[in-house]
């Protein structure tokens, strides 16, 4: 495990390699990264990310029964644990660590888990359905960009609230018309979402560059140009909005969303910290790209926004992580 600190924004970037599980012919992810102004919090986030990935792996092969609670209607369901592990199942479709959270306090974990699931689906709607708004850069936002160390890039910020009344913030950075990194976050406070998305964007840039496996190195010049032109075309088609500095009193979901289940992933031998996962029959339960969407066309969210094979193939593959 290592932590890196510099004078730009005084942020701590942490990277770690932990244990892994072999499941059939695959290994669970064993690298983690985190960022925070507090070194202690950054290392804590690093370990929590490991727990989320490891415990999903543990559940992948479990035949035991457990219980989930649908937070939209307060119903309790008996489920098989392996439904909440990696891979595909008939109940929820394709599943990765999206919507997973670890820590001590159950209420905060519950919110963090379903916020992450919502934010990934909002990002998918931005990319594949052209939903959202362009956030104007005011003085406070420019200061945040400078503080995060992204001021040498072209920074585009978008806000989407198609699934809930609060806004998911998406940050995309370019340099010389080439994609550098992305960040996405959903919190009840607009500016908190923005700050977290900027930090994630910075973290992913440094993490993938540090290990030499950034997705942007795998893109051809044409693919970089196609993404840049696509995002600029999307920007031109969207309305602009001012940043929001008022808090939202509560989270209100759109009526078409009818499934949002929470489950505890801890098993008998792994009780330190609490790890919870949020899944939905209506939403995608993993990061979206062409392949994932084309294998999930029966999902309610895709039908709700008329996202089909044609609308997928006419866009570059989504690079928002």
Protein backbone atom coordinates (compact mmCIF):
# COMPACT_ATOMS: atom_id res chain seq x y z
CA UNK A 1 0.00 0.00 0.00
CA UNK A 2 1.23 3.48 -0.74
CA UNK A 3 0.03 7.03 -0.35
CA UNK A 4 1.06 9.97 -2.49
CA UNK A 5 0.68 13.62 -1.54
CA UNK A 6 1.58 16.80 -3.36
CA UNK A 7 1.02 20.53 -3.06
CA UNK A 8 -1.68 20.67 -5.77
CA UNK A 9 -4.89 20.73 -3.78
CA UNK A 10 -3.16 18.93 -0.90
CA UNK A 11 -4.91 15.67 -1.86
CA UNK A 12 -3.81 12.20 -0.78
CA UNK A 13 -3.88 9.54 -3.50
CA UNK A 14 -3.60 5.97 -2.21
CA UNK A 15 -3.00 2.74 -4.12
CA UNK A 16 -3.01 -0.80 -2.77
CA UNK A 17 -2.71 -4.45 -3.75
CA UNK A 18 -4.72 -6.83 -1.55
CA UNK A 19 -5.82 -10.45 -1.62
CA UNK A 20 -7.83 -12.01 -4.44
CA UNK A 21 -10.08 -15.02 -4.98
CA UNK A 22 -9.97 -17.43 -7.88
CA UNK A 23 -13.50 -18.14 -9.08
CA UNK A 24 -13.48 -20.82 -11.75
CA UNK A 25 -10.91 -19.46 -14.26
CA UNK A 26 -11.07 -15.81 -13.12
CA UNK A 27 -9.55 -13.68 -10.34
CA UNK A 28 -11.43 -11.02 -8.40
CA UNK A 29 -9.90 -7.50 -8.68
CA UNK A 30 -6.97 -7.06 -6.27
CA UNK A 31 -5.90 -3.43 -6.85
CA UNK A 32 -7.65 -0.53 -5.13
CA UNK A 33 -7.26 3.24 -5.20
CA UNK A 34 -8.73 6.16 -3.25
CA UNK A 35 -8.36 9.91 -2.84
CA UNK A 36 -9.13 12.30 -0.01
CA UNK A 37 -7.80 15.42 1.68
CA UNK A 38 -7.28 13.26 4.81
CA UNK A 39 -4.61 10.56 4.54
CA UNK A 40 -6.40 8.45 7.16
CA UNK A 41 -9.69 8.64 5.25
CA UNK A 42 -7.96 7.87 1.95
CA UNK A 43 -6.42 4.67 3.35
CA UNK A 44 -9.75 3.72 4.94
CA UNK A 45 -11.50 4.14 1.58
CA UNK A 46 -8.77 2.05 -0.03
CA UNK A 47 -9.40 -0.87 2.34
CA UNK A 48 -13.16 -0.54 2.00
CA UNK A 49 -12.92 -0.81 -1.78
CA UNK A 50 -10.96 -4.03 -1.34
CA UNK A 51 -13.64 -5.41 1.02
CA UNK A 52 -16.38 -4.70 -1.52
CA UNK A 53 -14.57 -6.59 -4.27
CA UNK A 54 -13.46 -9.45 -2.03
CA UNK A 55 -16.89 -10.01 -0.45
CA UNK A 56 -18.60 -10.00 -3.82
CA UNK A 57 -16.18 -12.75 -4.77
CA UNK A 58 -17.03 -14.72 -1.62
CA UNK A 59 -20.75 -14.49 -2.43
CA UNK A 60 -20.25 -15.58 -6.06
CA UNK A 61 -19.96 -19.26 -5.11
CA UNK A 62 -22.28 -19.24 -2.08
CA UNK A 63 -25.44 -21.33 -2.23
CA UNK A 64 -26.64 -20.04 1.15
CA UNK A 65 -29.86 -18.11 1.60
CA UNK A 66 -29.91 -14.48 2.67
CA UNK A 67 -32.43 -11.63 2.69
CA UNK A 68 -32.72 -8.42 0.71
CA UNK A 69 -34.92 -5.40 1.40
CA UNK A 70 -36.51 -3.32 -1.34
CA UNK A 71 -36.09 0.27 -0.11
CA UNK A 72 -38.87 1.52 -2.38
CA UNK A 73 -41.63 -0.60 -0.85
CA UNK A 74 -40.00 -1.98 2.36
CA UNK A 75 -40.56 -5.59 1.24
CA UNK A 76 -38.21 -8.38 2.36
CA UNK A 77 -37.17 -11.12 -0.08
CA UNK A 78 -35.36 -14.40 0.47
CA UNK A 79 -32.50 -14.66 -2.02
CA UNK A 80 -29.58 -16.95 -2.87
CA UNK A 81 -26.25 -15.31 -2.01
CA UNK A 82 -24.71 -16.09 -5.39
CA UNK A 83 -27.18 -13.64 -6.99
CA UNK A 84 -25.04 -10.87 -5.47
CA UNK A 85 -21.69 -12.12 -6.75
CA UNK A 86 -19.88 -11.38 -9.98
CA UNK A 87 -21.34 -12.31 -13.35
CA UNK A 88 -24.77 -12.86 -14.86
CA UNK A 89 -27.97 -14.16 -13.28
CA UNK A 90 -31.58 -14.21 -14.47
CA UNK A 91 -32.80 -12.10 -11.55
CA UNK A 92 -30.68 -8.95 -11.95
CA UNK A 93 -28.67 -9.45 -15.15
CA UNK A 94 -24.96 -8.63 -15.29
CA UNK A 95 -23.40 -7.63 -11.96
CA UNK A 96 -20.11 -6.04 -10.96
CA UNK A 97 -19.16 -3.98 -7.87
CA UNK A 98 -21.45 -1.11 -8.92
CA UNK A 99 -23.71 -0.27 -5.97
CA UNK A 100 -21.45 -1.78 -3.28
CA UNK A 101 -20.35 0.02 -0.11
CA UNK A 102 -18.32 -0.79 3.03
CA UNK A 103 -17.99 0.91 6.42
CA UNK A 104 -19.42 1.09 9.95
CA UNK A 105 -22.69 3.03 9.73
CA UNK A 106 -25.58 1.25 8.03
CA UNK A 107 -27.59 4.35 7.06
CA UNK A 108 -24.62 5.98 5.34
CA UNK A 109 -23.71 2.71 3.63
CA UNK A 110 -27.25 2.24 2.36
CA UNK A 111 -27.27 5.71 0.83
CA UNK A 112 -23.79 5.34 -0.66
CA UNK A 113 -24.70 2.00 -2.23
CA UNK A 114 -27.88 3.09 -3.96
CA UNK A 115 -26.36 6.45 -4.93
CA UNK A 116 -23.58 4.61 -6.75
CA UNK A 117 -26.05 2.37 -8.58
CA UNK A 118 -28.12 5.40 -9.61
CA UNK A 119 -25.08 7.45 -10.72
CA UNK A 120 -23.83 4.73 -13.09
CA UNK A 121 -27.26 4.50 -14.69
CA UNK A 122 -27.53 8.28 -14.98
CA UNK A 123 -24.13 8.28 -16.70
CA UNK A 124 -25.43 5.63 -19.10
CA UNK A 125 -28.46 7.82 -19.93
CA UNK A 126 -26.16 10.78 -20.54
CA UNK A 127 -24.06 8.80 -23.01
CA UNK A 128 -26.64 6.65 -24.78
CA UNK A 129 -29.82 8.76 -24.51
CA UNK A 130 -28.31 12.26 -24.57
CA UNK A 131 -29.84 13.25 -21.24
CA UNK A 132 -28.58 15.95 -18.90
CA UNK A 133 -27.37 19.55 -18.84
CA UNK A 134 -24.05 21.32 -19.25
CA UNK A 135 -22.93 22.90 -15.97
CA UNK A 136 -21.56 26.42 -16.38
CA UNK A 137 -18.17 27.17 -14.82
CA UNK A 138 -18.46 29.92 -12.22
CA UNK A 139 -15.68 31.16 -9.92
CA UNK A 140 -16.27 28.44 -7.29
CA UNK A 141 -16.14 25.69 -9.89
CA UNK A 142 -13.00 27.11 -11.48
CA UNK A 143 -11.40 27.15 -8.03
CA UNK A 144 -12.36 23.49 -7.49
CA UNK A 145 -10.86 22.56 -10.87
CA UNK A 146 -7.62 24.35 -9.96
CA UNK A 147 -7.55 22.79 -6.48
CA UNK A 148 -7.94 19.30 -7.94
CA UNK A 149 -5.08 19.85 -10.37
CA UNK A 150 -7.17 19.60 -13.55
CA UNK A 151 -6.68 23.18 -14.72
CA UNK A 152 -4.31 22.20 -17.56
CA UNK A 153 -7.09 20.21 -19.24
CA UNK A 154 -10.33 21.00 -21.03
CA UNK A 155 -12.85 20.18 -18.29
CA UNK A 156 -16.47 19.48 -19.22
CA UNK A 157 -19.09 19.09 -16.49
CA UNK A 158 -22.57 17.65 -16.92
CA UNK A 159 -25.52 17.12 -14.55
CA UNK A 160 -28.19 14.42 -14.96
CA UNK A 161 -31.31 13.76 -12.85
CA UNK A 162 -33.46 11.39 -14.89
CA UNK A 163 -33.86 8.71 -12.18
CA UNK A 164 -34.04 10.88 -9.05
CA UNK A 165 -34.56 14.56 -8.26
CA UNK A 166 -30.93 15.03 -7.17
CA UNK A 167 -28.12 15.44 -9.69
CA UNK A 168 -25.43 13.02 -10.80
CA UNK A 169 -22.35 14.99 -11.85
CA UNK A 170 -20.17 13.76 -14.72
CA UNK A 171 -16.71 15.21 -15.37
CA UNK A 172 -14.81 14.51 -18.60
CA UNK A 173 -11.34 15.90 -19.30
CA UNK A 174 -9.54 16.29 -22.63
CA UNK A 175 -6.14 17.51 -23.72
CA UNK A 176 -5.37 18.23 -27.37
CA UNK A 177 -8.72 16.61 -28.25
CA UNK A 178 -7.75 13.35 -26.55
CA UNK A 179 -9.67 11.89 -23.61
CA UNK A 180 -7.72 12.01 -20.33
CA UNK A 181 -10.09 10.79 -17.62
CA UNK A 182 -13.65 10.78 -16.28
CA UNK A 183 -15.36 11.09 -12.91
CA UNK A 184 -18.94 10.58 -11.79
CA UNK A 185 -20.66 11.14 -8.44
CA UNK A 186 -24.10 11.44 -6.86
CA UNK A 187 -24.72 13.02 -3.48
CA UNK A 188 -27.61 14.98 -1.98
CA UNK A 189 -25.64 18.22 -2.22
CA UNK A 190 -24.86 19.33 -5.78
CA UNK A 191 -21.43 20.82 -5.01
CA UNK A 192 -20.42 17.74 -3.00
CA UNK A 193 -21.20 15.63 -6.07
CA UNK A 194 -19.14 17.97 -8.22
CA UNK A 195 -16.16 17.96 -5.87
CA UNK A 196 -16.18 14.14 -5.62
CA UNK A 197 -16.49 13.72 -9.40
CA UNK A 198 -13.51 16.04 -9.93
CA UNK A 199 -11.43 14.10 -7.39
CA UNK A 200 -12.38 10.77 -8.96
CA UNK A 201 -11.41 12.12 -12.37
CA UNK A 202 -8.01 13.13 -11.01
CA UNK A 203 -7.54 9.84 -9.14
CA UNK A 204 -8.33 7.63 -12.14
CA UNK A 205 -6.00 9.65 -14.34
CA UNK A 206 -3.11 9.16 -11.90
CA UNK A 207 -3.92 5.54 -11.03
CA UNK A 208 -4.12 4.20 -14.58
CA UNK A 209 -1.18 6.27 -15.77
CA UNK A 210 0.82 4.98 -12.78
CA UNK A 211 0.32 1.35 -13.77
CA UNK A 212 0.52 2.07 -17.50
CA UNK A 213 -2.93 0.64 -18.20
CA UNK A 214 -5.06 3.72 -18.80
CA UNK A 215 -7.94 2.98 -21.16
CA UNK A 216 -6.93 6.03 -23.19
CA UNK A 217 -3.69 4.37 -24.28
CA UNK A 218 -5.73 1.62 -25.89
CA UNK A 219 -7.68 4.06 -28.06
CA UNK A 220 -6.56 4.87 -31.58
CA UNK A 221 -6.28 8.49 -32.75
CA UNK A 222 -9.55 8.02 -34.61
CA UNK A 223 -11.29 6.71 -31.49
CA UNK A 224 -10.03 9.69 -29.48
CA UNK A 225 -11.28 12.05 -32.16
CA UNK A 226 -14.66 10.28 -32.39
CA UNK A 227 -15.15 10.58 -28.61
CA UNK A 228 -14.14 14.25 -28.61
CA UNK A 229 -16.52 15.07 -31.46
CA UNK A 230 -19.32 13.04 -29.88
CA UNK A 231 -19.02 14.82 -26.50
CA UNK A 232 -18.85 18.22 -28.19
CA UNK A 233 -21.92 17.38 -30.27
CA UNK A 234 -23.70 16.25 -27.11
CA UNK A 235 -22.65 19.47 -25.35
CA UNK A 236 -24.13 21.57 -28.17
CA UNK A 237 -27.44 19.70 -27.97
CA UNK A 238 -27.90 20.04 -24.18
CA UNK A 239 -29.21 22.99 -22.22
CA UNK A 240 -26.89 24.84 -19.85
CA UNK A 241 -27.51 25.23 -16.13
CA UNK A 242 -26.03 27.20 -13.28
CA UNK A 243 -24.51 25.30 -10.35
CA UNK A 244 -26.98 24.62 -7.53
CA UNK A 245 -26.00 25.82 -4.06
CA UNK A 246 -29.19 24.84 -2.23
CA UNK A 247 -29.53 21.45 -0.53
CA UNK A 248 -32.18 18.89 -1.48
CA UNK A 249 -34.36 17.94 1.50
CA UNK A 250 -34.97 14.37 0.38
CA UNK A 251 -34.39 11.97 -2.49
CA UNK A 252 -37.40 11.35 -4.75
CA UNK A 253 -37.23 8.61 -7.37
CA UNK A 254 -39.11 8.65 -10.68
CA UNK A 255 -42.34 6.57 -10.64
CA UNK A 256 -41.13 4.08 -13.25
CA UNK A 257 -38.41 2.82 -10.88
CA UNK A 258 -39.99 -0.02 -8.90
CA UNK A 259 -37.02 -2.14 -7.77
CA UNK A 260 -34.11 -1.10 -5.53
CA UNK A 261 -32.91 -3.89 -3.22
CA UNK A 262 -30.26 -3.82 -0.48
CA UNK A 263 -28.42 -6.87 0.82
CA UNK A 264 -25.61 -7.40 3.35
CA UNK A 265 -22.64 -9.25 1.79
CA UNK A 266 -20.90 -10.19 5.06
CA UNK A 267 -20.65 -13.94 5.64
CA UNK A 268 -19.82 -15.86 8.83
CA UNK A 269 -16.03 -15.56 8.62
CA UNK A 270 -15.93 -11.96 7.38
CA UNK A 271 -17.61 -9.71 9.95
CA UNK A 272 -15.17 -6.76 10.20
CA UNK A 273 -16.80 -3.70 8.69
CA UNK A 274 -20.21 -3.92 7.03
CA UNK A 275 -20.50 -4.39 3.27
CA UNK A 276 -23.84 -3.81 1.55
CA UNK A 277 -24.90 -4.03 -2.07
CA UNK A 278 -27.74 -2.36 -3.94
CA UNK A 279 -29.23 -4.06 -7.01
CA UNK A 280 -32.26 -3.44 -9.20
CA UNK A 281 -34.31 -5.44 -11.66
CA UNK A 282 -35.08 -2.19 -13.52
CA UNK A 283 -31.54 -0.77 -13.80
CA UNK A 284 -28.16 -1.90 -15.07
CA UNK A 285 -26.15 -3.37 -12.20
CA UNK A 286 -22.73 -2.76 -13.74
CA UNK A 287 -20.77 -0.09 -15.59
CA UNK A 288 -22.33 0.41 -19.02
CA UNK A 289 -20.65 -0.07 -22.38
CA UNK A 290 -21.77 -1.37 -25.78
CA UNK A 291 -21.44 -5.03 -24.85
CA UNK A 292 -23.25 -4.70 -21.52
CA UNK A 293 -26.19 -2.80 -23.02
CA UNK A 294 -26.57 -5.11 -25.99
CA UNK A 295 -26.81 -8.01 -23.55
CA UNK A 296 -29.33 -6.18 -21.33
CA UNK A 297 -31.90 -4.79 -23.78
CA UNK A 298 -34.75 -6.26 -21.73
CA UNK A 299 -33.98 -3.91 -18.80
CA UNK A 300 -36.76 -1.45 -17.98
CA UNK A 301 -34.46 1.59 -18.03
CA UNK A 302 -33.37 0.86 -21.60
CA UNK A 303 -36.96 0.43 -22.75
CA UNK A 304 -38.03 3.55 -20.84
CA UNK A 305 -35.55 5.65 -22.83
CA UNK A 306 -35.83 3.72 -26.13
CA UNK A 307 -32.19 2.66 -26.06
CA UNK A 308 -31.83 -0.11 -28.63
CA UNK A 309 -29.13 -1.70 -30.75
CA UNK A 310 -29.19 1.08 -33.33
CA UNK A 311 -28.84 3.86 -30.76
CA UNK A 312 -25.93 2.01 -29.16
CA UNK A 313 -23.95 1.30 -32.32
CA UNK A 314 -24.20 4.90 -33.59
CA UNK A 315 -22.19 6.15 -30.58
CA UNK A 316 -18.60 5.55 -29.45
CA UNK A 317 -18.26 2.99 -26.67
CA UNK A 318 -18.90 4.61 -23.29
CA UNK A 319 -15.67 5.45 -21.42
CA UNK A 320 -17.25 6.69 -18.17
CA UNK A 321 -16.11 4.31 -15.40
